[in-house]
Amino acid sequence: MRWYLTGVVVSGFGTTAMWLVSGIWVKSLTGSDSLAALTAFALWAPVLLGPLLGTLADRVRRRPLLVVLDGAMAALLPLLLWVDSADRVWLLFAVLVLYGTQGAVHEAAEQALVASVLDEKRLGTFNGLRMTANESMKLIAPLVAAGLFARYGGGPVAVLDAVSFALAAAVFALMPVREARQDRSGSRHWRRETVEGVRLLRGSPVLRPLVATGAFTMLLAGVNGAAVYAVVDRGLGHSPAYAGVLYAVQGAGSVLAGLVTGPLLRRMPERALAAAGLALFAVAVGVRALPYEATALAASAVIGLGLPWVLVAVITAVQREAPADAAGRVAATANTLVFVPNALALALGAGLVALVDIRVLLPLLAVAGAGWAAGLTVRGRPGRARSPRARPEPLRGSR
């Protein structure tokens, strides 16, 4: 587990830096806000193909796949040193699409690998620590990336990211795990296998409501994210830069969330944790409508605490319930269903903020989130039988 977390920290640092800088890089070369915004779309678009890309993670052993994926990005990113004028921005967009594709496959392979080598009781703790590692990098990497870009431009940031991928590949190559060979004696039809991953998720009484809750939460989170500048400007009377303070406080809340998730999941099922996280998130979003700095900061911290609980609950349940030979497809399908609504809601939220006062919009989001959390709690009361595991006992590799 320590080896894997080391890989997450190393690659997460470079990834966060690159995601931040890509939009700034395009804006500085072209002067176009639209093209700068498209960098986020280029990174997100491959997630739409998650069910198909996840099939790859079920066709080969996951650890070697992670090594190859990280090594490929380490070799590809230095090409961005040639992006020094507006007419070469196309190369940056091409690399970003490949970056997002690699990320979708990598995430599916990671989740499947973790499910196969860790005991069920440790999954929640591990996923919480992984969340803490990722959020910690989001607090540090933007400062480093912004400083590098301001001083030297985007090229050094790309090289930094390439180095982080190379180090991550080395860490995964040295990670002492034992994986079973994938049984591919049956059909190798991509379409059939992809559909099977969707079918398994849709047919699971455990996963279906949790993934729906994750998708709904991220839908609300997207609208809330689009409203943050309105909160800063109209509600608090600060300059737009103050949004960075709110995001930093939210990040600190997420770091704490990752640390306490493991102990919580040892005491409650994933469904209860998801409901609690959504309820906290919903209340905090509603509180943001109040025009007070103290409440805005407290709300940001609580949002950072509640939102990861929902995501970790979904991830842990997928790892626990998915059949071992389809874990990559189920994980990738769940990721697509959970995170695509967030991207769509950012665009929807931008329109809503222009039409609806945040003193009305944010409480409406709070009511919707609290209502969903209450419904999830009622439907998940003890006494309902849990579906039996649909996969063999995980391998106990060295860790």
Protein backbone atom coordinates (compact mmCIF):
# COMPACT_ATOMS: atom_id res chain seq x y z
CA MET A 1 0.00 0.00 0.00
CA ARG A 2 2.87 2.41 0.77
CA TRP A 3 4.34 1.85 -2.69
CA TYR A 4 1.04 2.60 -4.36
CA LEU A 5 0.44 5.77 -2.34
CA THR A 6 3.94 6.93 -3.26
CA GLY A 7 3.05 6.52 -6.93
CA VAL A 8 -0.19 8.44 -6.42
CA VAL A 9 1.60 11.34 -4.73
CA VAL A 10 4.33 11.56 -7.38
CA SER A 11 2.04 11.40 -10.42
CA GLY A 12 -0.65 13.51 -8.75
CA PHE A 13 1.76 16.39 -8.25
CA GLY A 14 2.69 16.57 -11.92
CA THR A 15 -0.87 16.02 -13.13
CA THR A 16 -2.29 18.82 -10.99
CA ALA A 17 0.43 21.17 -12.20
CA MET A 18 -0.21 20.33 -15.86
CA TRP A 19 -3.99 20.62 -15.61
CA LEU A 20 -3.64 24.08 -14.11
CA VAL A 21 -1.08 25.36 -16.57
CA SER A 22 -2.65 24.08 -19.79
CA GLY A 23 -5.40 26.71 -19.87
CA ILE A 24 -3.02 29.51 -18.89
CA TRP A 25 -0.60 28.34 -21.58
CA VAL A 26 -3.21 28.45 -24.35
CA LYS A 27 -4.50 31.83 -23.18
CA SER A 28 -1.00 33.33 -23.15
CA LEU A 29 -0.24 32.11 -26.69
CA THR A 30 -3.57 32.81 -28.40
CA GLY A 31 -5.29 35.42 -26.22
CA SER A 32 -8.49 33.39 -26.60
CA ASP A 33 -10.64 32.65 -23.55
CA SER A 34 -12.62 30.08 -25.54
CA LEU A 35 -9.56 28.09 -26.54
CA ALA A 36 -8.27 28.25 -22.98
CA ALA A 37 -11.57 26.83 -21.72
CA LEU A 38 -11.37 24.03 -24.29
CA THR A 39 -8.30 22.62 -22.54
CA ALA A 40 -10.54 21.38 -19.74
CA PHE A 41 -12.86 19.80 -22.31
CA ALA A 42 -9.91 18.08 -24.02
CA LEU A 43 -8.93 16.53 -20.71
CA TRP A 44 -12.49 15.54 -19.78
CA ALA A 45 -13.75 14.28 -23.15
CA PRO A 46 -12.13 10.80 -22.98
CA VAL A 47 -14.05 10.10 -19.76
CA LEU A 48 -17.12 9.72 -21.98
CA LEU A 49 -15.47 6.58 -23.37
CA GLY A 50 -14.81 5.21 -19.87
CA PRO A 51 -16.76 1.95 -20.26
CA LEU A 52 -14.84 1.12 -23.45
CA LEU A 53 -11.45 2.20 -22.09
CA GLY A 54 -12.01 0.25 -18.89
CA THR A 55 -12.19 -2.94 -20.93
CA LEU A 56 -8.46 -2.63 -21.58
CA ALA A 57 -7.81 -2.80 -17.84
CA ASP A 58 -9.60 -6.17 -17.71
CA ARG A 59 -7.68 -7.70 -20.63
CA VAL A 60 -4.18 -7.51 -19.16
CA ARG A 61 -2.50 -7.55 -15.77
CA ARG A 62 -3.00 -4.17 -14.13
CA ARG A 63 0.43 -3.41 -12.64
CA PRO A 64 2.35 -3.76 -15.95
CA LEU A 65 -0.40 -1.71 -17.61
CA LEU A 66 0.13 1.12 -15.10
CA VAL A 67 3.88 1.03 -15.77
CA VAL A 68 3.35 1.23 -19.55
CA LEU A 69 0.77 4.03 -19.27
CA ASP A 70 2.96 6.18 -17.05
CA GLY A 71 6.05 5.48 -19.14
CA ALA A 72 4.20 6.47 -22.32
CA MET A 73 3.17 9.81 -20.84
CA ALA A 74 6.72 10.43 -19.63
CA ALA A 75 7.88 10.01 -23.24
CA LEU A 76 5.05 12.04 -24.76
CA LEU A 77 5.00 15.18 -22.60
CA PRO A 78 8.43 16.57 -23.63
CA LEU A 79 6.93 17.12 -27.11
CA LEU A 80 5.21 20.15 -25.58
CA LEU A 81 8.56 21.95 -25.51
CA TRP A 82 7.78 22.77 -29.16
CA VAL A 83 4.57 24.60 -28.22
CA ASP A 84 5.93 28.14 -28.26
CA SER A 85 3.52 29.90 -30.61
CA ALA A 86 -0.18 30.04 -31.41
CA ASP A 87 0.15 27.90 -34.54
CA ARG A 88 1.47 24.99 -32.44
CA VAL A 89 -1.33 25.00 -29.87
CA TRP A 90 -2.90 22.06 -31.75
CA LEU A 91 -0.08 19.89 -30.41
CA LEU A 92 -0.97 20.81 -26.84
CA PHE A 93 -4.62 19.88 -27.44
CA ALA A 94 -3.61 16.55 -29.00
CA VAL A 95 -1.46 15.71 -26.00
CA LEU A 96 -4.24 16.74 -23.61
CA VAL A 97 -6.71 14.36 -25.29
CA LEU A 98 -4.18 11.54 -24.97
CA TYR A 99 -3.58 12.66 -21.38
CA GLY A 100 -7.27 12.31 -20.58
CA THR A 101 -7.43 8.93 -22.32
CA GLN A 102 -4.46 7.66 -20.35
CA GLY A 103 -6.06 8.94 -17.16
CA ALA A 104 -9.32 7.07 -17.78
CA VAL A 105 -7.55 3.75 -18.38
CA HIS A 106 -5.11 4.39 -15.51
CA GLU A 107 -7.91 5.08 -13.02
CA ALA A 108 -9.76 1.90 -14.00
CA ALA A 109 -6.59 -0.19 -13.74
CA GLU A 110 -5.71 1.38 -10.37
CA GLN A 111 -9.09 0.62 -8.84
CA ALA A 112 -9.09 -2.93 -10.18
CA LEU A 113 -5.54 -3.57 -8.93
CA VAL A 114 -6.34 -2.27 -5.46
CA ALA A 115 -9.46 -4.43 -5.28
CA SER A 116 -7.45 -7.54 -6.20
CA VAL A 117 -4.56 -7.15 -3.75
CA LEU A 118 -6.09 -5.52 -0.68
CA ASP A 119 -8.31 -7.11 1.91
CA GLU A 120 -11.88 -5.79 1.85
CA LYS A 121 -11.53 -4.30 5.33
CA ARG A 122 -8.63 -2.11 4.19
CA LEU A 123 -10.24 -0.70 1.06
CA GLY A 124 -11.94 2.23 2.81
CA THR A 125 -8.77 3.21 4.67
CA PHE A 126 -6.70 3.01 1.51
CA ASN A 127 -9.14 5.03 -0.59
CA GLY A 128 -9.30 7.67 2.13
CA LEU A 129 -5.52 7.96 2.27
CA ARG A 130 -5.42 8.13 -1.53
CA MET A 131 -7.90 11.00 -1.39
CA THR A 132 -5.74 12.77 1.20
CA ALA A 133 -2.65 12.34 -0.98
CA ASN A 134 -4.40 13.73 -4.06
CA GLU A 135 -5.88 16.70 -2.21
CA SER A 136 -2.56 17.50 -0.56
CA MET A 137 -0.97 17.75 -4.00
CA LYS A 138 -3.72 20.14 -5.09
CA LEU A 139 -2.64 22.49 -2.32
CA ILE A 140 1.04 22.46 -3.31
CA ALA A 141 1.27 21.84 -7.05
CA PRO A 142 -0.63 24.96 -8.24
CA LEU A 143 1.84 27.24 -6.47
CA VAL A 144 4.82 25.46 -8.00
CA ALA A 145 3.21 25.34 -11.46
CA ALA A 146 2.23 29.01 -11.42
CA GLY A 147 5.74 30.01 -10.36
CA LEU A 148 7.39 27.90 -13.04
CA PHE A 149 5.07 29.15 -15.76
CA ALA A 150 5.51 32.80 -14.79
CA ARG A 151 9.29 32.46 -14.83
CA TYR A 152 9.99 30.00 -17.65
CA GLY A 153 6.75 29.28 -19.54
CA GLY A 154 4.84 26.04 -20.03
CA GLY A 155 7.68 23.83 -21.27
CA PRO A 156 9.33 23.27 -17.87
CA VAL A 157 5.95 22.39 -16.36
CA ALA A 158 5.49 19.72 -19.03
CA VAL A 159 8.98 18.38 -18.29
CA LEU A 160 8.17 18.34 -14.57
CA ASP A 161 5.05 16.34 -15.30
CA ALA A 162 7.03 13.94 -17.51
CA VAL A 163 9.50 13.37 -14.68
CA SER A 164 6.63 12.70 -12.27
CA PHE A 165 5.21 10.09 -14.67
CA ALA A 166 8.63 8.45 -15.05
CA LEU A 167 9.01 8.24 -11.27
CA ALA A 168 5.49 6.86 -10.92
CA ALA A 169 6.24 4.20 -13.55
CA ALA A 170 9.34 3.20 -11.57
CA VAL A 171 7.34 3.02 -8.34
CA PHE A 172 4.64 0.83 -9.90
CA ALA A 173 7.32 -1.39 -11.50
CA LEU A 174 8.88 -1.99 -8.08
CA MET A 175 5.57 -2.44 -6.27
CA PRO A 176 5.57 -5.95 -4.73
CA VAL A 177 2.17 -7.34 -5.72
CA ARG A 178 1.09 -10.69 -7.09
CA GLU A 179 -1.65 -10.68 -9.71
CA ALA A 180 -3.49 -13.57 -11.26
CA ARG A 181 -3.32 -13.82 -15.03
CA GLN A 182 -6.48 -12.61 -16.71
CA ASP A 183 -8.57 -15.48 -18.06
CA ARG A 184 -9.24 -14.50 -21.66
CA SER A 185 -10.19 -17.95 -22.90
CA GLY A 186 -13.69 -16.80 -23.78
CA SER A 187 -14.86 -14.15 -26.17
CA ARG A 188 -12.59 -11.19 -26.79
CA HIS A 189 -15.20 -8.99 -28.39
CA TRP A 190 -14.69 -5.42 -27.17
CA ARG A 191 -18.31 -4.37 -27.56
CA ARG A 192 -19.66 -7.39 -25.69
CA GLU A 193 -17.21 -6.94 -22.83
CA THR A 194 -17.93 -3.22 -22.59
CA VAL A 195 -21.68 -3.82 -22.44
CA GLU A 196 -21.12 -6.43 -19.76
CA GLY A 197 -19.46 -3.85 -17.52
CA VAL A 198 -22.47 -1.55 -17.89
CA ARG A 199 -24.86 -4.44 -17.27
CA LEU A 200 -23.07 -5.52 -14.10
CA LEU A 201 -23.26 -2.00 -12.69
CA ARG A 202 -26.91 -1.51 -13.63
CA GLY A 203 -27.87 -4.90 -12.19
CA SER A 204 -26.22 -4.40 -8.79
CA PRO A 205 -28.66 -3.31 -6.03
CA VAL A 206 -25.67 -2.10 -4.02
CA LEU A 207 -23.84 -0.12 -6.69
CA ARG A 208 -26.74 1.33 -8.63
CA PRO A 209 -28.03 3.73 -5.91
CA LEU A 210 -24.49 4.66 -4.83
CA VAL A 211 -23.35 5.56 -8.34
CA ALA A 212 -26.58 7.52 -8.87
CA THR A 213 -25.87 9.38 -5.63
CA GLY A 214 -22.34 10.13 -6.77
CA ALA A 215 -23.61 11.44 -10.12
CA PHE A 216 -26.25 13.62 -8.47
CA THR A 217 -23.73 14.97 -5.97
CA MET A 218 -21.30 15.91 -8.73
CA LEU A 219 -24.14 17.55 -10.66
CA LEU A 220 -24.83 19.78 -7.64
CA ALA A 221 -21.09 20.32 -7.18
CA GLY A 222 -20.78 21.57 -10.75
CA VAL A 223 -23.51 24.16 -10.29
CA ASN A 224 -22.02 25.14 -6.93
CA GLY A 225 -18.59 25.51 -8.54
CA ALA A 226 -20.00 27.75 -11.24
CA ALA A 227 -21.52 29.96 -8.53
CA VAL A 228 -18.33 30.46 -6.53
CA TYR A 229 -17.37 33.74 -8.21
CA ALA A 230 -20.87 35.09 -7.69
CA VAL A 231 -20.53 34.20 -3.99
CA VAL A 232 -17.20 36.02 -3.82
CA ASP A 233 -18.37 39.09 -5.73
CA ARG A 234 -22.06 39.58 -4.90
CA GLY A 235 -22.15 37.87 -1.53
CA LEU A 236 -18.84 38.82 0.07
CA GLY A 237 -17.77 41.86 -1.94
CA HIS A 238 -14.26 40.55 -2.63
CA SER A 239 -12.22 40.43 -5.82
CA PRO A 240 -12.29 37.20 -7.87
CA ALA A 241 -8.87 36.22 -6.47
CA TYR A 242 -10.57 35.51 -3.13
CA ALA A 243 -12.00 32.35 -4.69
CA GLY A 244 -8.51 30.90 -4.26
CA VAL A 245 -8.88 31.27 -0.50
CA LEU A 246 -12.18 29.40 -0.54
CA TYR A 247 -10.70 26.62 -2.67
CA ALA A 248 -7.70 26.33 -0.32
CA VAL A 249 -10.00 25.96 2.69
CA GLN A 250 -12.05 23.39 0.78
CA GLY A 251 -8.86 21.49 -0.03
CA ALA A 252 -7.91 21.43 3.64
CA GLY A 253 -11.34 19.97 4.42
CA SER A 254 -10.77 17.27 1.80
CA VAL A 255 -7.42 16.34 3.33
CA LEU A 256 -9.19 15.84 6.68
CA ALA A 257 -11.98 13.88 4.98
CA GLY A 258 -9.49 11.38 3.59
CA LEU A 259 -7.94 10.80 7.00
CA VAL A 260 -11.23 10.02 8.76
CA THR A 261 -12.90 8.05 5.94
CA GLY A 262 -11.22 4.74 6.77
CA PRO A 263 -12.33 4.68 10.43
CA LEU A 264 -15.84 5.73 9.40
CA LEU A 265 -16.17 2.95 6.82
CA ARG A 266 -15.20 0.42 9.46
CA ARG A 267 -18.25 1.52 11.45
CA MET A 268 -20.84 2.17 8.73
CA PRO A 269 -21.69 0.90 5.24
CA GLU A 270 -20.75 2.87 2.13
CA ARG A 271 -24.37 3.88 1.60
CA ALA A 272 -24.56 5.58 5.03
CA LEU A 273 -21.27 7.42 4.46
CA ALA A 274 -22.46 8.64 1.05
CA ALA A 275 -25.71 9.91 2.56
CA ALA A 276 -23.84 11.68 5.37
CA GLY A 277 -21.40 13.25 2.93
CA LEU A 278 -24.16 14.48 0.62
CA ALA A 279 -26.09 15.91 3.58
CA LEU A 280 -23.02 17.83 4.81
CA PHE A 281 -22.31 19.08 1.31
CA ALA A 282 -25.91 20.20 0.80
CA VAL A 283 -26.09 22.12 4.08
CA ALA A 284 -22.78 23.84 3.37
CA VAL A 285 -23.89 24.89 -0.13
CA GLY A 286 -26.99 26.47 1.36
CA VAL A 287 -24.95 28.31 4.00
CA ARG A 288 -22.86 29.86 1.22
CA ALA A 289 -25.83 32.06 0.37
CA LEU A 290 -25.26 34.00 3.60
CA PRO A 291 -23.23 37.20 3.03
CA TYR A 292 -20.68 36.60 5.80
CA GLU A 293 -17.03 35.77 5.39
CA ALA A 294 -16.90 33.43 8.41
CA THR A 295 -19.81 31.32 7.14
CA ALA A 296 -18.34 31.24 3.62
CA LEU A 297 -15.05 29.87 4.96
CA ALA A 298 -16.79 27.35 7.20
CA ALA A 299 -19.01 26.24 4.33
CA SER A 300 -15.99 25.70 2.09
CA ALA A 301 -14.37 23.50 4.73
CA VAL A 302 -17.54 21.43 5.16
CA ILE A 303 -17.93 21.07 1.38
CA GLY A 304 -14.37 19.77 1.30
CA LEU A 305 -15.25 17.32 4.05
CA GLY A 306 -18.56 15.99 2.71
CA LEU A 307 -17.89 15.72 -1.03
CA PRO A 308 -14.98 13.22 -0.75
CA TRP A 309 -17.07 10.97 1.49
CA VAL A 310 -19.50 10.43 -1.36
CA LEU A 311 -16.73 9.72 -3.87
CA VAL A 312 -14.77 7.38 -1.59
CA ALA A 313 -17.97 5.51 -0.72
CA VAL A 314 -18.68 4.93 -4.42
CA ILE A 315 -15.11 3.83 -5.21
CA THR A 316 -14.94 1.46 -2.24
CA ALA A 317 -18.29 -0.12 -3.06
CA VAL A 318 -17.26 -0.68 -6.68
CA GLN A 319 -14.02 -2.33 -5.60
CA ARG A 320 -15.87 -4.51 -3.11
CA GLU A 321 -18.78 -5.59 -5.32
CA ALA A 322 -17.41 -5.82 -8.87
CA PRO A 323 -16.37 -9.26 -10.17
CA ALA A 324 -12.57 -9.50 -10.29
CA ASP A 325 -12.45 -10.12 -14.04
CA ALA A 326 -14.67 -7.09 -14.77
CA ALA A 327 -13.43 -4.66 -12.10
CA GLY A 328 -11.82 -2.31 -14.63
CA ARG A 329 -14.94 -2.02 -16.78
CA VAL A 330 -17.26 -1.50 -13.82
CA ALA A 331 -14.91 1.09 -12.27
CA ALA A 332 -14.55 3.00 -15.55
CA THR A 333 -18.31 2.95 -16.14
CA ALA A 334 -18.92 4.25 -12.62
CA ASN A 335 -16.34 7.01 -13.13
CA THR A 336 -18.05 8.10 -16.34
CA LEU A 337 -21.49 8.18 -14.75
CA VAL A 338 -20.25 10.07 -11.68
CA PHE A 339 -17.97 12.69 -13.22
CA VAL A 340 -19.57 13.57 -16.56
CA PRO A 341 -22.51 15.32 -14.81
CA ASN A 342 -20.01 17.60 -13.09
CA ALA A 343 -18.62 18.81 -16.40
CA LEU A 344 -22.11 19.36 -17.81
CA ALA A 345 -23.27 21.15 -14.66
CA LEU A 346 -20.41 23.65 -14.85
CA ALA A 347 -21.87 24.88 -18.14
CA LEU A 348 -25.44 24.70 -16.80
CA GLY A 349 -24.42 26.54 -13.65
CA ALA A 350 -22.87 29.38 -15.61
CA GLY A 351 -26.26 30.05 -17.17
CA LEU A 352 -28.18 29.64 -13.93
CA VAL A 353 -25.93 32.07 -12.07
CA ALA A 354 -26.69 34.70 -14.70
CA LEU A 355 -30.45 34.16 -14.38
CA VAL A 356 -31.06 33.22 -10.72
CA ASP A 357 -29.93 35.07 -7.61
CA ILE A 358 -27.50 32.96 -5.58
CA ARG A 359 -29.64 33.60 -2.49
CA VAL A 360 -32.28 31.51 -4.25
CA LEU A 361 -30.11 29.14 -6.29
CA LEU A 362 -27.87 27.86 -3.49
CA PRO A 363 -30.70 27.08 -1.03
CA LEU A 364 -32.47 25.20 -3.83
CA LEU A 365 -29.35 23.09 -4.33
CA ALA A 366 -29.25 22.49 -0.58
CA VAL A 367 -32.86 21.31 -0.48
CA ALA A 368 -32.29 18.97 -3.43
CA GLY A 369 -29.15 17.49 -1.90
CA ALA A 370 -30.67 17.06 1.56
CA GLY A 371 -33.77 15.43 0.07
CA TRP A 372 -31.69 12.93 -1.91
CA ALA A 373 -29.56 12.14 1.18
CA ALA A 374 -32.70 11.54 3.24
CA GLY A 375 -34.13 9.24 0.57
CA LEU A 376 -30.87 7.27 0.37
CA THR A 377 -30.86 6.86 4.15
CA VAL A 378 -34.45 5.65 4.28
CA ARG A 379 -33.96 3.16 1.44
CA GLY A 380 -30.76 1.86 3.01
CA ARG A 381 -32.06 1.13 6.53
CA PRO A 382 -30.69 -1.99 8.26
CA GLY A 383 -32.61 -5.17 7.70
CA ARG A 384 -32.36 -5.18 3.94
CA ALA A 385 -30.27 -8.02 2.65
CA ARG A 386 -26.99 -7.14 1.07
CA SER A 387 -26.18 -8.81 -2.21
CA PRO A 388 -23.57 -11.56 -1.96
CA ARG A 389 -20.17 -10.90 -3.38
CA ALA A 390 -20.00 -11.68 -7.07
CA ARG A 391 -16.28 -12.30 -7.18
CA PRO A 392 -13.75 -14.68 -5.63
CA GLU A 393 -11.67 -13.78 -2.60
CA PRO A 394 -8.93 -11.26 -3.47
CA LEU A 395 -5.37 -12.42 -3.87
CA ARG A 396 -3.15 -11.62 -0.92
CA GLY A 397 -0.09 -10.14 -2.52
CA SER A 398 2.89 -8.61 -0.71
CA ARG A 399 2.12 -5.08 0.32
